[in-house]
Amino acid sequence: HIQFSRAAFEANVALTILLLGILLLISGLKNKLAAYLSIPILVLSIYFYYSQRLIVPFILFGFFATFRNNLKAYVISLLIGSLIFIPIGISFLKPEGIKRVDEVSILSDQTIYSDAVFAHFQNNNLLTSIFLNYKIPLVFEFLHNYFSHFSLGFLFFTDDPNPRQK
């Protein structure tokens, strides 16, 4: 957090707003004003950083599933949050709205499963259909990418390809 805050990355603003939204979401169980402010603030975090678009819906779903008996105060908050979401929601429907997904998605990288497809065409039988289809390399690439973020080299040494973050 300190490293990214020194360079004023938008991820820090998004994290701060997300944490404030979660605090208000939980406080809203006892305080109606906090309940009214919680969801609009969580929706605002979506405007600052792309990963919030994935995280905020899971947080809201988990919260509503856990506290489904105490949600009357959140109806107004949900309506206000929906109004705030409309402009960015419209941008999701445009090609520019999914540009970032196309840039970072492992599904757009054809080299990941080209070897598996080539091997499948060379040995076209039942076992290659099961083990050498294009989904297996995608799963391995996803797991590799996910767990590489927790490696000591990435976190503390020089495994990050971005020189600003080494």
N, C-alpha and C. Protein backbone atom coordinates (compact mmCIF):
# COMPACT_ATOMS: atom_id res chain seq x y z
N HIS A 1 0.83 -1.19 0.00
CA HIS A 1 0.00 0.00 0.00
C HIS A 1 0.87 1.26 0.00
N ILE A 2 1.92 1.25 0.79
CA ILE A 2 2.80 2.42 0.86
C ILE A 2 3.48 2.65 -0.48
N GLN A 3 3.93 1.58 -1.11
CA GLN A 3 4.62 1.72 -2.39
C GLN A 3 3.72 2.37 -3.44
N PHE A 4 2.49 1.92 -3.56
CA PHE A 4 1.60 2.46 -4.58
C PHE A 4 1.05 3.83 -4.19
N SER A 5 0.92 4.11 -2.91
CA SER A 5 0.40 5.41 -2.51
C SER A 5 1.40 6.52 -2.79
N ARG A 6 2.68 6.21 -2.78
CA ARG A 6 3.69 7.24 -3.06
C ARG A 6 3.59 7.72 -4.50
N ALA A 7 3.16 6.88 -5.39
CA ALA A 7 3.03 7.28 -6.79
C ALA A 7 1.61 7.71 -7.14
N ALA A 8 0.73 7.72 -6.16
CA ALA A 8 -0.66 8.17 -6.33
C ALA A 8 -1.41 7.35 -7.38
N PHE A 9 -1.34 6.04 -7.28
CA PHE A 9 -2.09 5.17 -8.17
C PHE A 9 -3.57 5.21 -7.83
N GLU A 10 -4.40 5.04 -8.82
CA GLU A 10 -5.85 5.05 -8.60
C GLU A 10 -6.32 3.83 -7.81
N ALA A 11 -5.50 2.81 -7.75
CA ALA A 11 -5.85 1.62 -6.97
C ALA A 11 -5.98 1.97 -5.49
N ASN A 12 -5.19 2.90 -5.01
CA ASN A 12 -5.28 3.30 -3.60
C ASN A 12 -6.58 4.02 -3.30
N VAL A 13 -7.00 4.89 -4.21
CA VAL A 13 -8.28 5.57 -4.02
C VAL A 13 -9.41 4.55 -4.03
N ALA A 14 -9.35 3.62 -4.95
CA ALA A 14 -10.39 2.59 -5.04
C ALA A 14 -10.42 1.74 -3.77
N LEU A 15 -9.26 1.39 -3.25
CA LEU A 15 -9.20 0.59 -2.03
C LEU A 15 -9.77 1.37 -0.85
N THR A 16 -9.42 2.63 -0.74
CA THR A 16 -9.94 3.46 0.35
C THR A 16 -11.45 3.57 0.29
N ILE A 17 -11.98 3.83 -0.89
CA ILE A 17 -13.43 3.95 -1.05
C ILE A 17 -14.10 2.61 -0.81
N LEU A 18 -13.49 1.53 -1.27
CA LEU A 18 -14.05 0.20 -1.05
C LEU A 18 -14.12 -0.11 0.44
N LEU A 19 -13.05 0.16 1.17
CA LEU A 19 -13.04 -0.10 2.60
C LEU A 19 -14.05 0.78 3.34
N LEU A 20 -14.18 2.02 2.92
CA LEU A 20 -15.20 2.89 3.52
C LEU A 20 -16.59 2.34 3.24
N GLY A 21 -16.83 1.87 2.03
CA GLY A 21 -18.12 1.28 1.69
C GLY A 21 -18.43 0.05 2.51
N ILE A 22 -17.43 -0.80 2.72
CA ILE A 22 -17.63 -2.01 3.54
C ILE A 22 -17.91 -1.62 4.99
N LEU A 23 -17.17 -0.63 5.49
CA LEU A 23 -17.40 -0.16 6.86
C LEU A 23 -18.83 0.37 7.01
N LEU A 24 -19.27 1.16 6.04
CA LEU A 24 -20.63 1.69 6.09
C LEU A 24 -21.67 0.59 5.91
N LEU A 25 -21.35 -0.40 5.09
CA LEU A 25 -22.27 -1.52 4.88
C LEU A 25 -22.52 -2.26 6.19
N ILE A 26 -21.46 -2.53 6.92
CA ILE A 26 -21.60 -3.23 8.21
C ILE A 26 -22.23 -2.32 9.26
N SER A 27 -21.81 -1.04 9.28
CA SER A 27 -22.39 -0.09 10.24
C SER A 27 -23.87 0.14 9.96
N GLY A 28 -24.26 -0.04 8.71
CA GLY A 28 -25.65 0.18 8.32
C GLY A 28 -26.63 -0.78 8.95
N LEU A 29 -26.14 -1.84 9.52
CA LEU A 29 -27.03 -2.76 10.22
C LEU A 29 -27.63 -2.10 11.46
N LYS A 30 -26.94 -1.09 12.01
CA LYS A 30 -27.43 -0.39 13.20
C LYS A 30 -27.73 1.08 12.94
N ASN A 31 -27.23 1.63 11.86
CA ASN A 31 -27.37 3.06 11.58
C ASN A 31 -27.93 3.24 10.16
N LYS A 32 -29.10 3.83 10.03
CA LYS A 32 -29.73 3.96 8.71
C LYS A 32 -28.95 4.87 7.78
N LEU A 33 -28.35 5.94 8.30
CA LEU A 33 -27.57 6.83 7.44
C LEU A 33 -26.40 6.09 6.81
N ALA A 34 -25.74 5.26 7.58
CA ALA A 34 -24.63 4.45 7.04
C ALA A 34 -25.15 3.48 5.99
N ALA A 35 -26.33 2.92 6.22
CA ALA A 35 -26.92 2.00 5.23
C ALA A 35 -27.23 2.74 3.93
N TYR A 36 -27.74 3.97 4.04
CA TYR A 36 -28.05 4.75 2.84
C TYR A 36 -26.81 5.11 2.03
N LEU A 37 -25.70 5.34 2.71
CA LEU A 37 -24.47 5.74 2.04
C LEU A 37 -23.62 4.57 1.53
N SER A 38 -23.81 3.39 2.08
CA SER A 38 -22.90 2.28 1.83
C SER A 38 -22.84 1.84 0.37
N ILE A 39 -23.95 1.51 -0.22
CA ILE A 39 -23.94 0.98 -1.59
C ILE A 39 -23.53 2.04 -2.61
N PRO A 40 -24.02 3.29 -2.49
CA PRO A 40 -23.50 4.30 -3.43
C PRO A 40 -21.98 4.47 -3.36
N ILE A 41 -21.41 4.40 -2.18
CA ILE A 41 -19.96 4.54 -2.06
C ILE A 41 -19.25 3.31 -2.65
N LEU A 42 -19.81 2.14 -2.44
CA LEU A 42 -19.22 0.95 -3.06
C LEU A 42 -19.28 1.04 -4.58
N VAL A 43 -20.38 1.54 -5.11
CA VAL A 43 -20.51 1.70 -6.56
C VAL A 43 -19.52 2.75 -7.06
N LEU A 44 -19.29 3.80 -6.29
CA LEU A 44 -18.30 4.80 -6.70
C LEU A 44 -16.91 4.20 -6.85
N SER A 45 -16.57 3.21 -6.04
CA SER A 45 -15.24 2.60 -6.14
C SER A 45 -15.03 1.93 -7.49
N ILE A 46 -16.11 1.54 -8.14
CA ILE A 46 -16.03 0.91 -9.47
C ILE A 46 -15.45 1.88 -10.49
N TYR A 47 -15.68 3.16 -10.31
CA TYR A 47 -15.19 4.17 -11.24
C TYR A 47 -13.68 4.38 -11.16
N PHE A 48 -13.05 3.94 -10.08
CA PHE A 48 -11.64 4.25 -9.88
C PHE A 48 -10.69 3.16 -10.36
N TYR A 49 -11.08 1.91 -10.23
CA TYR A 49 -10.15 0.86 -10.59
C TYR A 49 -10.92 -0.34 -11.11
N TYR A 50 -10.36 -1.01 -12.10
CA TYR A 50 -11.08 -2.05 -12.82
C TYR A 50 -11.44 -3.26 -11.95
N SER A 51 -10.56 -3.65 -11.05
CA SER A 51 -10.84 -4.85 -10.26
C SER A 51 -12.05 -4.69 -9.34
N GLN A 52 -12.42 -3.45 -9.02
CA GLN A 52 -13.60 -3.24 -8.18
C GLN A 52 -14.86 -3.71 -8.90
N ARG A 53 -14.83 -3.74 -10.20
CA ARG A 53 -15.99 -4.21 -10.97
C ARG A 53 -16.27 -5.68 -10.70
N LEU A 54 -15.24 -6.41 -10.31
CA LEU A 54 -15.41 -7.82 -9.96
C LEU A 54 -15.68 -8.01 -8.47
N ILE A 55 -15.02 -7.20 -7.65
CA ILE A 55 -15.07 -7.39 -6.21
C ILE A 55 -16.38 -6.91 -5.60
N VAL A 56 -16.83 -5.72 -5.99
CA VAL A 56 -18.02 -5.11 -5.37
C VAL A 56 -19.26 -6.00 -5.49
N PRO A 57 -19.57 -6.58 -6.65
CA PRO A 57 -20.74 -7.45 -6.69
C PRO A 57 -20.65 -8.65 -5.75
N PHE A 58 -19.45 -9.23 -5.62
CA PHE A 58 -19.28 -10.36 -4.68
C PHE A 58 -19.48 -9.91 -3.24
N ILE A 59 -18.97 -8.74 -2.90
CA ILE A 59 -19.15 -8.22 -1.55
C ILE A 59 -20.63 -8.00 -1.26
N LEU A 60 -21.33 -7.38 -2.19
CA LEU A 60 -22.76 -7.12 -1.98
C LEU A 60 -23.56 -8.42 -1.92
N PHE A 61 -23.25 -9.35 -2.80
CA PHE A 61 -23.95 -10.63 -2.78
C PHE A 61 -23.72 -11.35 -1.46
N GLY A 62 -22.46 -11.39 -1.02
CA GLY A 62 -22.15 -12.05 0.25
C GLY A 62 -22.82 -11.38 1.43
N PHE A 63 -22.83 -10.06 1.42
CA PHE A 63 -23.47 -9.32 2.52
C PHE A 63 -24.97 -9.57 2.53
N PHE A 64 -25.60 -9.47 1.37
CA PHE A 64 -27.06 -9.68 1.31
C PHE A 64 -27.44 -11.11 1.62
N ALA A 65 -26.60 -12.06 1.25
CA ALA A 65 -26.88 -13.46 1.57
C ALA A 65 -26.74 -13.73 3.06
N THR A 66 -25.78 -13.05 3.69
CA THR A 66 -25.54 -13.26 5.12
C THR A 66 -26.59 -12.56 5.98
N PHE A 67 -26.93 -11.34 5.62
CA PHE A 67 -27.84 -10.53 6.45
C PHE A 67 -29.17 -10.30 5.75
N ARG A 68 -29.73 -11.31 5.16
CA ARG A 68 -30.95 -11.15 4.37
C ARG A 68 -32.17 -10.74 5.20
N ASN A 69 -32.13 -10.89 6.50
CA ASN A 69 -33.27 -10.51 7.34
C ASN A 69 -33.26 -9.03 7.71
N ASN A 70 -32.14 -8.33 7.54
CA ASN A 70 -32.02 -6.94 7.96
C ASN A 70 -31.75 -6.00 6.79
N LEU A 71 -32.42 -6.17 5.68
CA LEU A 71 -32.06 -5.42 4.48
C LEU A 71 -33.02 -4.30 4.11
N LYS A 72 -33.99 -3.99 4.93
CA LYS A 72 -34.97 -2.96 4.57
C LYS A 72 -34.32 -1.60 4.39
N ALA A 73 -33.34 -1.27 5.21
CA ALA A 73 -32.69 0.04 5.12
C ALA A 73 -31.83 0.17 3.86
N TYR A 74 -31.50 -0.93 3.24
CA TYR A 74 -30.62 -0.90 2.08
C TYR A 74 -31.36 -0.74 0.75
N VAL A 75 -32.66 -0.71 0.77
CA VAL A 75 -33.42 -0.58 -0.48
C VAL A 75 -33.15 0.78 -1.12
N ILE A 76 -33.22 1.85 -0.34
CA ILE A 76 -32.95 3.18 -0.88
C ILE A 76 -31.50 3.27 -1.34
N SER A 77 -30.58 2.70 -0.57
CA SER A 77 -29.17 2.70 -0.93
C SER A 77 -28.95 1.96 -2.25
N LEU A 78 -29.65 0.87 -2.44
CA LEU A 78 -29.53 0.11 -3.68
C LEU A 78 -30.05 0.91 -4.87
N LEU A 79 -31.13 1.66 -4.68
CA LEU A 79 -31.67 2.50 -5.76
C LEU A 79 -30.69 3.61 -6.13
N ILE A 80 -30.13 4.28 -5.12
CA ILE A 80 -29.16 5.34 -5.39
C ILE A 80 -27.91 4.76 -6.05
N GLY A 81 -27.44 3.62 -5.56
CA GLY A 81 -26.29 2.96 -6.17
C GLY A 81 -26.55 2.57 -7.61
N SER A 82 -27.77 2.15 -7.91
CA SER A 82 -28.13 1.79 -9.29
C SER A 82 -28.07 3.01 -10.20
N LEU A 83 -28.52 4.15 -9.70
CA LEU A 83 -28.45 5.38 -10.50
C LEU A 83 -27.00 5.79 -10.76
N ILE A 84 -26.16 5.64 -9.76
CA ILE A 84 -24.74 5.97 -9.94
C ILE A 84 -24.08 4.99 -10.91
N PHE A 85 -24.56 3.76 -10.95
CA PHE A 85 -23.98 2.72 -11.80
C PHE A 85 -24.34 2.88 -13.27
N ILE A 86 -25.43 3.56 -13.58
CA ILE A 86 -25.93 3.64 -14.96
C ILE A 86 -24.87 4.10 -15.96
N PRO A 87 -24.16 5.22 -15.74
CA PRO A 87 -23.17 5.64 -16.76
C PRO A 87 -22.08 4.61 -17.03
N ILE A 88 -21.53 4.02 -15.99
CA ILE A 88 -20.47 3.04 -16.22
C ILE A 88 -21.06 1.73 -16.75
N GLY A 89 -22.29 1.42 -16.36
CA GLY A 89 -22.96 0.24 -16.88
C GLY A 89 -23.18 0.33 -18.38
N ILE A 90 -23.52 1.53 -18.85
CA ILE A 90 -23.69 1.74 -20.30
C ILE A 90 -22.36 1.56 -21.02
N SER A 91 -21.28 2.03 -20.38
CA SER A 91 -19.97 1.88 -21.03
C SER A 91 -19.54 0.42 -21.13
N PHE A 92 -20.06 -0.45 -20.26
CA PHE A 92 -19.74 -1.88 -20.35
C PHE A 92 -20.27 -2.48 -21.64
N LEU A 93 -21.32 -1.91 -22.18
CA LEU A 93 -21.94 -2.45 -23.38
C LEU A 93 -21.21 -2.05 -24.66
N LYS A 94 -20.33 -1.07 -24.56
CA LYS A 94 -19.59 -0.59 -25.73
C LYS A 94 -18.28 -1.36 -25.85
N PRO A 95 -17.70 -1.40 -27.06
CA PRO A 95 -16.42 -2.10 -27.23
C PRO A 95 -15.30 -1.52 -26.35
N GLU A 96 -15.33 -0.20 -26.12
CA GLU A 96 -14.31 0.41 -25.27
C GLU A 96 -14.43 -0.06 -23.83
N GLY A 97 -15.62 -0.45 -23.43
CA GLY A 97 -15.85 -0.87 -22.06
C GLY A 97 -15.23 -2.21 -21.72
N ILE A 98 -15.02 -3.03 -22.72
CA ILE A 98 -14.42 -4.34 -22.47
C ILE A 98 -12.99 -4.43 -23.00
N LYS A 99 -12.44 -3.28 -23.36
CA LYS A 99 -11.08 -3.26 -23.91
C LYS A 99 -10.06 -3.78 -22.90
N ARG A 100 -10.19 -3.36 -21.65
CA ARG A 100 -9.24 -3.81 -20.62
C ARG A 100 -9.33 -5.32 -20.40
N VAL A 101 -10.53 -5.85 -20.46
CA VAL A 101 -10.70 -7.30 -20.31
C VAL A 101 -9.98 -8.02 -21.44
N ASP A 102 -10.12 -7.52 -22.65
CA ASP A 102 -9.44 -8.14 -23.79
C ASP A 102 -7.92 -8.04 -23.67
N GLU A 103 -7.42 -6.96 -23.06
CA GLU A 103 -5.98 -6.78 -22.94
C GLU A 103 -5.35 -7.75 -21.93
N VAL A 104 -6.02 -8.00 -20.83
CA VAL A 104 -5.41 -8.78 -19.76
C VAL A 104 -5.94 -10.21 -19.66
N SER A 105 -6.93 -10.56 -20.43
CA SER A 105 -7.53 -11.88 -20.34
C SER A 105 -6.63 -12.95 -20.94
N ILE A 106 -6.56 -14.07 -20.25
CA ILE A 106 -5.78 -15.18 -20.80
C ILE A 106 -6.52 -15.81 -21.98
N LEU A 107 -7.78 -15.54 -22.12
CA LEU A 107 -8.54 -16.09 -23.25
C LEU A 107 -8.13 -15.46 -24.58
N SER A 108 -7.58 -14.25 -24.53
CA SER A 108 -7.18 -13.59 -25.77
C SER A 108 -5.78 -13.98 -26.22
N ASP A 109 -5.03 -14.67 -25.37
CA ASP A 109 -3.67 -15.10 -25.70
C ASP A 109 -3.73 -16.47 -26.38
N GLN A 110 -3.59 -16.47 -27.69
CA GLN A 110 -3.70 -17.70 -28.47
C GLN A 110 -2.52 -18.65 -28.25
N THR A 111 -1.38 -18.13 -27.81
CA THR A 111 -0.20 -18.97 -27.65
C THR A 111 -0.32 -19.95 -26.49
N ILE A 112 -1.23 -19.69 -25.56
CA ILE A 112 -1.37 -20.55 -24.39
C ILE A 112 -1.78 -21.96 -24.80
N TYR A 113 -2.73 -22.05 -25.69
CA TYR A 113 -3.23 -23.38 -26.03
C TYR A 113 -2.89 -23.82 -27.44
N SER A 114 -1.99 -23.13 -28.11
CA SER A 114 -1.63 -23.55 -29.47
C SER A 114 -0.90 -24.90 -29.47
N ASP A 115 -0.05 -25.14 -28.46
CA ASP A 115 0.65 -26.42 -28.39
C ASP A 115 -0.32 -27.57 -28.15
N ALA A 116 -1.31 -27.35 -27.30
CA ALA A 116 -2.29 -28.40 -27.03
C ALA A 116 -3.13 -28.70 -28.25
N VAL A 117 -3.52 -27.68 -28.98
CA VAL A 117 -4.32 -27.89 -30.19
C VAL A 117 -3.49 -28.62 -31.25
N PHE A 118 -2.22 -28.24 -31.39
CA PHE A 118 -1.34 -28.90 -32.35
C PHE A 118 -1.17 -30.38 -31.99
N ALA A 119 -0.93 -30.67 -30.72
CA ALA A 119 -0.77 -32.07 -30.28
C ALA A 119 -2.07 -32.84 -30.46
N HIS A 120 -3.19 -32.16 -30.26
CA HIS A 120 -4.49 -32.82 -30.44
C HIS A 120 -4.70 -33.23 -31.90
N PHE A 121 -4.30 -32.39 -32.83
CA PHE A 121 -4.46 -32.73 -34.24
C PHE A 121 -3.50 -33.82 -34.69
N GLN A 122 -2.35 -33.91 -34.05
CA GLN A 122 -1.40 -34.97 -34.40
C GLN A 122 -1.87 -36.33 -33.89
N ASN A 123 -2.49 -36.37 -32.72
CA ASN A 123 -2.94 -37.62 -32.10
C ASN A 123 -4.42 -37.51 -31.80
N ASN A 124 -5.23 -37.71 -32.77
CA ASN A 124 -6.67 -37.53 -32.59
C ASN A 124 -7.30 -38.83 -32.09
N ASN A 125 -7.33 -38.98 -30.75
CA ASN A 125 -8.01 -40.12 -30.14
C ASN A 125 -8.72 -39.65 -28.87
N LEU A 126 -9.33 -40.56 -28.15
CA LEU A 126 -10.13 -40.20 -26.98
C LEU A 126 -9.29 -39.56 -25.88
N LEU A 127 -8.11 -40.10 -25.61
CA LEU A 127 -7.28 -39.54 -24.54
C LEU A 127 -6.80 -38.13 -24.86
N THR A 128 -6.43 -37.86 -26.09
CA THR A 128 -6.02 -36.50 -26.44
C THR A 128 -7.20 -35.55 -26.40
N SER A 129 -8.38 -36.05 -26.70
CA SER A 129 -9.56 -35.19 -26.60
C SER A 129 -9.83 -34.78 -25.16
N ILE A 130 -9.52 -35.68 -24.23
CA ILE A 130 -9.76 -35.38 -22.82
C ILE A 130 -8.64 -34.51 -22.25
N PHE A 131 -7.38 -34.90 -22.50
CA PHE A 131 -6.26 -34.24 -21.82
C PHE A 131 -5.58 -33.15 -22.64
N LEU A 132 -5.76 -33.12 -23.93
CA LEU A 132 -5.11 -32.11 -24.75
C LEU A 132 -6.10 -31.17 -25.43
N ASN A 133 -7.15 -30.85 -24.74
CA ASN A 133 -8.05 -29.86 -25.29
C ASN A 133 -7.60 -28.47 -24.86
N TYR A 134 -8.21 -27.43 -25.38
CA TYR A 134 -7.73 -26.08 -25.11
C TYR A 134 -8.04 -25.59 -23.70
N LYS A 135 -8.91 -26.28 -22.98
CA LYS A 135 -9.29 -25.82 -21.64
C LYS A 135 -8.21 -26.13 -20.59
N ILE A 136 -7.53 -27.24 -20.74
CA ILE A 136 -6.51 -27.64 -19.77
C ILE A 136 -5.38 -26.60 -19.68
N PRO A 137 -4.78 -26.17 -20.79
CA PRO A 137 -3.74 -25.14 -20.68
C PRO A 137 -4.26 -23.83 -20.08
N LEU A 138 -5.50 -23.50 -20.34
CA LEU A 138 -6.07 -22.28 -19.76
C LEU A 138 -6.16 -22.38 -18.24
N VAL A 139 -6.54 -23.54 -17.75
CA VAL A 139 -6.61 -23.75 -16.30
C VAL A 139 -5.23 -23.65 -15.69
N PHE A 140 -4.24 -24.30 -16.32
CA PHE A 140 -2.87 -24.23 -15.80
C PHE A 140 -2.31 -22.81 -15.85
N GLU A 141 -2.60 -22.09 -16.91
CA GLU A 141 -2.13 -20.70 -17.03
C GLU A 141 -2.78 -19.82 -15.96
N PHE A 142 -4.07 -20.01 -15.74
CA PHE A 142 -4.76 -19.26 -14.69
C PHE A 142 -4.14 -19.54 -13.32
N LEU A 143 -3.95 -20.82 -13.00
CA LEU A 143 -3.37 -21.18 -11.71
C LEU A 143 -1.94 -20.65 -11.57
N HIS A 144 -1.16 -20.74 -12.64
CA HIS A 144 0.19 -20.21 -12.62
C HIS A 144 0.18 -18.70 -12.36
N ASN A 145 -0.64 -17.97 -13.08
CA ASN A 145 -0.71 -16.52 -12.90
C ASN A 145 -1.19 -16.15 -11.51
N TYR A 146 -2.17 -16.87 -11.02
CA TYR A 146 -2.73 -16.56 -9.69
C TYR A 146 -1.69 -16.79 -8.60
N PHE A 147 -1.07 -17.94 -8.59
CA PHE A 147 -0.13 -18.26 -7.52
C PHE A 147 1.20 -17.53 -7.65
N SER A 148 1.54 -17.06 -8.85
CA SER A 148 2.79 -16.31 -9.00
C SER A 148 2.71 -14.97 -8.27
N HIS A 149 1.52 -14.45 -8.03
CA HIS A 149 1.38 -13.20 -7.30
C HIS A 149 1.70 -13.35 -5.81
N PHE A 150 1.77 -14.57 -5.34
CA PHE A 150 2.08 -14.81 -3.94
C PHE A 150 3.52 -15.29 -3.73
N SER A 151 4.30 -15.34 -4.79
CA SER A 151 5.68 -15.80 -4.66
C SER A 151 6.52 -14.72 -3.98
N LEU A 152 7.53 -15.13 -3.24
CA LEU A 152 8.41 -14.18 -2.58
C LEU A 152 9.15 -13.31 -3.58
N GLY A 153 9.51 -13.91 -4.73
CA GLY A 153 10.19 -13.13 -5.76
C GLY A 153 9.34 -12.00 -6.28
N PHE A 154 8.08 -12.27 -6.51
CA PHE A 154 7.18 -11.22 -7.00
C PHE A 154 6.90 -10.18 -5.93
N LEU A 155 6.70 -10.61 -4.71
CA LEU A 155 6.33 -9.69 -3.64
C LEU A 155 7.50 -8.83 -3.16
N PHE A 156 8.71 -9.40 -3.12
CA PHE A 156 9.80 -8.68 -2.46
C PHE A 156 11.05 -8.46 -3.31
N PHE A 157 11.19 -9.16 -4.41
CA PHE A 157 12.44 -9.06 -5.13
C PHE A 157 12.22 -8.54 -6.54
N THR A 158 12.63 -9.24 -7.56
CA THR A 158 12.65 -8.66 -8.91
C THR A 158 11.82 -9.42 -9.93
N ASP A 159 10.86 -10.19 -9.51
CA ASP A 159 10.08 -10.97 -10.49
C ASP A 159 8.98 -10.16 -11.17
N ASP A 160 8.71 -8.96 -10.72
CA ASP A 160 7.68 -8.14 -11.35
C ASP A 160 8.26 -7.51 -12.62
N PRO A 161 7.63 -7.70 -13.78
CA PRO A 161 8.18 -7.17 -15.02
C PRO A 161 8.12 -5.65 -15.09
N ASN A 162 7.30 -5.00 -14.28
CA ASN A 162 7.18 -3.56 -14.30
C ASN A 162 8.31 -2.96 -13.46
N PRO A 163 9.22 -2.19 -14.07
CA PRO A 163 10.37 -1.67 -13.30
C PRO A 163 9.97 -0.70 -12.19
N ARG A 164 8.83 -0.05 -12.30
CA ARG A 164 8.38 0.88 -11.25
C ARG A 164 8.10 0.15 -9.95
N GLN A 165 7.76 -1.14 -10.06
CA GLN A 165 7.29 -1.86 -8.88
C GLN A 165 8.33 -2.82 -8.33
N LYS A 166 9.54 -2.77 -8.84
CA LYS A 166 10.58 -3.68 -8.33
C LYS A 166 11.19 -3.12 -7.07
